[in-house]
N, C-alpha and C. Protein backbone atom coordinates (compact mmCIF):
# COMPACT_ATOMS: atom_id res chain seq x y z
N MET A 1 -22.03 -11.82 4.86
CA MET A 1 -22.30 -11.29 3.54
C MET A 1 -21.00 -10.92 2.82
N LEU A 2 -20.07 -10.31 3.57
CA LEU A 2 -18.80 -9.91 2.97
C LEU A 2 -18.08 -11.11 2.36
N SER A 3 -18.14 -12.25 3.01
CA SER A 3 -17.45 -13.43 2.49
C SER A 3 -18.01 -13.88 1.15
N LEU A 4 -19.23 -13.48 0.83
CA LEU A 4 -19.84 -13.84 -0.45
C LEU A 4 -19.30 -12.99 -1.59
N ILE A 5 -18.84 -11.78 -1.31
CA ILE A 5 -18.38 -10.90 -2.38
C ILE A 5 -16.86 -10.70 -2.38
N ARG A 6 -16.20 -11.05 -1.30
CA ARG A 6 -14.75 -10.86 -1.21
C ARG A 6 -14.03 -12.01 -1.90
N HIS A 7 -13.09 -11.65 -2.75
CA HIS A 7 -12.30 -12.65 -3.45
C HIS A 7 -10.85 -12.49 -3.04
N GLU A 8 -10.27 -13.53 -2.50
CA GLU A 8 -8.88 -13.47 -2.09
C GLU A 8 -8.02 -14.30 -3.04
N PHE A 9 -6.83 -13.81 -3.30
CA PHE A 9 -5.87 -14.53 -4.13
C PHE A 9 -4.48 -14.11 -3.69
N ARG A 10 -3.53 -14.85 -4.13
CA ARG A 10 -2.12 -14.52 -3.82
C ARG A 10 -1.35 -14.45 -5.12
N LYS A 11 -0.76 -13.31 -5.35
CA LYS A 11 0.06 -13.10 -6.54
C LYS A 11 1.47 -12.78 -6.06
N VAL A 12 2.43 -13.60 -6.44
CA VAL A 12 3.80 -13.40 -5.96
C VAL A 12 4.78 -13.07 -7.08
N HIS A 13 4.39 -13.32 -8.32
CA HIS A 13 5.26 -13.05 -9.46
C HIS A 13 4.53 -12.15 -10.45
N GLY A 14 5.28 -11.59 -11.35
CA GLY A 14 4.67 -10.74 -12.37
C GLY A 14 4.78 -9.27 -12.00
N THR A 15 3.89 -8.47 -12.57
CA THR A 15 3.94 -7.02 -12.38
C THR A 15 2.63 -6.51 -11.81
N VAL A 16 2.69 -5.30 -11.30
CA VAL A 16 1.53 -4.66 -10.69
C VAL A 16 1.64 -3.15 -10.88
N TRP A 17 0.50 -2.51 -11.09
CA TRP A 17 0.43 -1.06 -11.16
C TRP A 17 -0.04 -0.56 -9.79
N SER A 18 0.56 0.54 -9.29
CA SER A 18 0.16 1.11 -8.01
C SER A 18 0.43 2.61 -8.00
N HIS A 19 0.01 3.25 -6.91
CA HIS A 19 0.26 4.68 -6.70
C HIS A 19 1.44 4.90 -5.76
N LEU A 20 2.34 3.95 -5.65
CA LEU A 20 3.44 4.05 -4.69
C LEU A 20 4.72 4.62 -5.31
N GLY A 21 4.58 5.52 -6.25
CA GLY A 21 5.73 6.08 -6.95
C GLY A 21 6.73 6.77 -6.05
N GLU A 22 6.28 7.33 -4.91
CA GLU A 22 7.19 8.02 -4.01
C GLU A 22 8.10 7.07 -3.24
N THR A 23 7.69 5.81 -3.10
CA THR A 23 8.49 4.87 -2.32
C THR A 23 9.14 3.79 -3.17
N VAL A 24 8.83 3.76 -4.46
CA VAL A 24 9.44 2.79 -5.37
C VAL A 24 10.80 3.30 -5.81
N ARG A 25 11.77 2.43 -5.84
CA ARG A 25 13.10 2.82 -6.34
C ARG A 25 12.96 3.12 -7.84
N ARG A 26 13.47 4.24 -8.27
CA ARG A 26 13.31 4.70 -9.67
C ARG A 26 13.79 3.65 -10.68
N ARG A 27 14.87 2.97 -10.38
CA ARG A 27 15.40 1.97 -11.33
C ARG A 27 14.48 0.76 -11.45
N GLU A 28 13.54 0.60 -10.52
CA GLU A 28 12.62 -0.54 -10.53
C GLU A 28 11.32 -0.24 -11.26
N ILE A 29 11.10 1.00 -11.69
CA ILE A 29 9.87 1.36 -12.39
C ILE A 29 9.95 0.86 -13.83
N ILE A 30 8.99 0.05 -14.22
CA ILE A 30 8.92 -0.51 -15.57
C ILE A 30 8.23 0.45 -16.52
N ASP A 31 7.14 1.09 -16.03
CA ASP A 31 6.35 1.99 -16.86
C ASP A 31 5.59 2.94 -15.94
N THR A 32 5.12 4.06 -16.49
CA THR A 32 4.29 4.99 -15.72
C THR A 32 3.10 5.42 -16.57
N HIS A 33 2.04 5.82 -15.89
CA HIS A 33 0.87 6.40 -16.56
C HIS A 33 0.19 7.29 -15.53
N GLY A 34 0.36 8.61 -15.67
CA GLY A 34 -0.16 9.53 -14.67
C GLY A 34 0.52 9.27 -13.34
N THR A 35 -0.28 9.03 -12.30
CA THR A 35 0.29 8.74 -10.98
C THR A 35 0.53 7.26 -10.76
N TRP A 36 0.18 6.42 -11.73
CA TRP A 36 0.39 4.98 -11.62
C TRP A 36 1.82 4.63 -12.02
N VAL A 37 2.42 3.68 -11.30
CA VAL A 37 3.73 3.15 -11.66
C VAL A 37 3.63 1.63 -11.74
N LYS A 38 4.32 1.06 -12.71
CA LYS A 38 4.32 -0.40 -12.89
C LYS A 38 5.66 -0.93 -12.39
N THR A 39 5.57 -1.92 -11.48
CA THR A 39 6.77 -2.54 -10.91
C THR A 39 6.57 -4.04 -10.81
N THR A 40 7.61 -4.71 -10.40
CA THR A 40 7.48 -6.14 -10.10
C THR A 40 6.75 -6.27 -8.77
N MET A 41 6.19 -7.43 -8.52
CA MET A 41 5.52 -7.68 -7.24
C MET A 41 6.52 -7.55 -6.09
N ARG A 42 7.73 -8.00 -6.30
CA ARG A 42 8.74 -7.92 -5.25
C ARG A 42 9.00 -6.47 -4.85
N GLU A 43 9.16 -5.59 -5.83
CA GLU A 43 9.39 -4.17 -5.55
C GLU A 43 8.15 -3.54 -4.94
N TRP A 44 6.96 -3.93 -5.39
CA TRP A 44 5.72 -3.39 -4.82
C TRP A 44 5.63 -3.74 -3.33
N ARG A 45 5.93 -4.98 -2.97
CA ARG A 45 5.87 -5.38 -1.55
C ARG A 45 6.83 -4.53 -0.71
N ARG A 46 8.03 -4.28 -1.22
CA ARG A 46 9.00 -3.45 -0.51
C ARG A 46 8.48 -2.02 -0.37
N ALA A 47 7.97 -1.46 -1.47
CA ALA A 47 7.47 -0.09 -1.45
C ALA A 47 6.23 0.05 -0.56
N PHE A 48 5.36 -0.96 -0.59
CA PHE A 48 4.16 -0.93 0.24
C PHE A 48 4.54 -0.94 1.72
N ALA A 49 5.47 -1.78 2.10
CA ALA A 49 5.91 -1.84 3.50
C ALA A 49 6.49 -0.49 3.93
N LYS A 50 7.29 0.12 3.07
CA LYS A 50 7.90 1.41 3.38
C LYS A 50 6.83 2.50 3.51
N ALA A 51 5.89 2.54 2.56
CA ALA A 51 4.82 3.55 2.60
C ALA A 51 3.93 3.35 3.82
N SER A 52 3.65 2.10 4.15
CA SER A 52 2.82 1.80 5.31
C SER A 52 3.48 2.27 6.59
N LEU A 53 4.77 2.00 6.74
CA LEU A 53 5.49 2.43 7.93
C LEU A 53 5.52 3.96 8.02
N ARG A 54 5.79 4.62 6.90
CA ARG A 54 5.80 6.10 6.90
C ARG A 54 4.45 6.66 7.34
N ALA A 55 3.37 6.10 6.80
CA ALA A 55 2.03 6.58 7.12
C ALA A 55 1.70 6.33 8.60
N ARG A 56 2.07 5.17 9.10
CA ARG A 56 1.79 4.85 10.50
C ARG A 56 2.60 5.75 11.44
N LEU A 57 3.85 6.03 11.09
CA LEU A 57 4.67 6.91 11.92
C LEU A 57 4.13 8.34 11.88
N ARG A 58 3.67 8.78 10.72
CA ARG A 58 3.06 10.10 10.59
C ARG A 58 1.82 10.19 11.48
N ASP A 59 1.01 9.13 11.48
CA ASP A 59 -0.18 9.09 12.33
C ASP A 59 0.20 9.09 13.80
N GLU A 60 1.29 8.41 14.14
CA GLU A 60 1.75 8.36 15.54
C GLU A 60 2.14 9.74 16.02
N VAL A 61 2.86 10.49 15.21
CA VAL A 61 3.28 11.85 15.57
C VAL A 61 2.05 12.73 15.75
N ALA A 62 1.10 12.63 14.83
CA ALA A 62 -0.13 13.42 14.94
C ALA A 62 -0.92 13.03 16.18
N ALA A 63 -0.96 11.75 16.48
CA ALA A 63 -1.70 11.27 17.65
C ALA A 63 -1.09 11.81 18.94
N LYS A 64 0.24 11.83 19.00
CA LYS A 64 0.90 12.34 20.21
C LYS A 64 0.59 13.82 20.41
N SER A 65 0.54 14.59 19.33
CA SER A 65 0.27 16.01 19.47
C SER A 65 -1.18 16.27 19.88
N LEU A 66 -2.07 15.32 19.58
CA LEU A 66 -3.48 15.46 19.96
C LEU A 66 -3.82 14.69 21.23
N HIS A 67 -2.84 13.98 21.79
CA HIS A 67 -3.03 13.17 22.99
C HIS A 67 -4.12 12.11 22.81
N VAL A 68 -4.06 11.42 21.67
CA VAL A 68 -4.98 10.31 21.42
C VAL A 68 -4.16 9.06 21.13
N LYS A 69 -4.85 7.92 21.04
CA LYS A 69 -4.13 6.67 20.80
C LYS A 69 -3.40 6.70 19.47
N GLY A 70 -2.28 5.99 19.42
CA GLY A 70 -1.46 5.99 18.23
C GLY A 70 -1.26 4.61 17.65
N VAL A 71 -0.17 4.41 16.95
CA VAL A 71 0.09 3.19 16.20
C VAL A 71 0.26 1.97 17.11
N ASN A 72 0.65 2.17 18.36
CA ASN A 72 0.88 1.04 19.25
C ASN A 72 -0.39 0.55 19.95
N VAL A 73 -1.51 1.16 19.65
CA VAL A 73 -2.79 0.76 20.24
C VAL A 73 -3.64 0.15 19.14
N ALA A 74 -4.30 -0.95 19.45
CA ALA A 74 -5.16 -1.60 18.45
C ALA A 74 -6.22 -0.63 17.97
N SER A 75 -6.33 -0.48 16.65
CA SER A 75 -7.24 0.51 16.08
C SER A 75 -8.41 -0.11 15.34
N GLY A 76 -8.44 -1.42 15.23
CA GLY A 76 -9.53 -2.05 14.52
C GLY A 76 -9.13 -2.49 13.13
N ILE A 77 -9.89 -3.39 12.57
CA ILE A 77 -9.59 -3.98 11.27
C ILE A 77 -9.67 -2.96 10.15
N GLY A 78 -10.57 -2.01 10.24
CA GLY A 78 -10.80 -1.08 9.15
C GLY A 78 -9.82 0.06 9.05
N GLN A 79 -8.78 0.08 9.86
CA GLN A 79 -7.84 1.19 9.83
C GLN A 79 -7.17 1.29 8.46
N ASP A 80 -7.20 2.45 7.85
CA ASP A 80 -6.62 2.65 6.51
C ASP A 80 -5.53 3.70 6.60
N TYR A 81 -4.28 3.28 6.53
CA TYR A 81 -3.15 4.20 6.63
C TYR A 81 -2.77 4.80 5.28
N LEU A 82 -2.98 4.08 4.19
CA LEU A 82 -2.44 4.52 2.91
C LEU A 82 -3.46 5.16 1.99
N GLY A 83 -4.73 4.97 2.22
CA GLY A 83 -5.73 5.54 1.33
C GLY A 83 -5.56 5.01 -0.09
N VAL A 84 -5.45 5.91 -1.05
CA VAL A 84 -5.36 5.52 -2.45
C VAL A 84 -4.06 4.77 -2.75
N GLY A 85 -3.04 4.92 -1.94
CA GLY A 85 -1.77 4.24 -2.15
C GLY A 85 -1.88 2.72 -2.10
N ALA A 86 -2.93 2.22 -1.50
CA ALA A 86 -3.11 0.78 -1.39
C ALA A 86 -3.78 0.18 -2.63
N GLN A 87 -4.26 1.00 -3.53
CA GLN A 87 -4.90 0.48 -4.74
C GLN A 87 -3.88 -0.11 -5.69
N VAL A 88 -4.25 -1.24 -6.33
CA VAL A 88 -3.39 -1.86 -7.33
C VAL A 88 -4.21 -2.25 -8.54
N PHE A 89 -3.52 -2.43 -9.65
CA PHE A 89 -4.13 -2.85 -10.91
C PHE A 89 -3.22 -3.87 -11.57
N PHE A 90 -3.80 -4.97 -12.00
CA PHE A 90 -3.03 -5.99 -12.68
C PHE A 90 -3.40 -5.98 -14.16
N ASP A 91 -2.41 -5.91 -15.05
CA ASP A 91 -2.71 -5.94 -16.48
C ASP A 91 -2.39 -7.30 -17.09
N GLU A 92 -2.34 -8.31 -16.23
CA GLU A 92 -2.10 -9.68 -16.68
C GLU A 92 -3.00 -10.60 -15.85
N ASP A 93 -3.14 -11.82 -16.25
CA ASP A 93 -3.99 -12.75 -15.52
C ASP A 93 -3.49 -12.97 -14.11
N VAL A 94 -4.44 -13.09 -13.20
CA VAL A 94 -4.12 -13.34 -11.79
C VAL A 94 -4.53 -14.76 -11.46
C-alpha cells in the first residue's frame, strides 16, 4: 500500500527550505522565514549529514547511559534521528 502513495524523486540542483539553520553555514543561507532557512541543495546535503551525525552521536551517548542499544546496532527502517529537521520545502518545480 505504501508504494501506491509514496513518491520518490531526486533533486540535485536548485534550492530547498529546511529547519537545519543550526548546521547550515551562515554565508550559505539565501533567505529565512521563522525557523526555515533557504539554501542550495549542495549546502542542504552537507548540513543534513552534519545534523544527522550529531543526532546519532547524541543518541549513542544517551543509550550508553541507559545501557541500551545505540547507533552501532540496527534499529530498523523507521528510526528518526532528526524529527522536524528532516522536513523540506521546495518553492520551485521538482
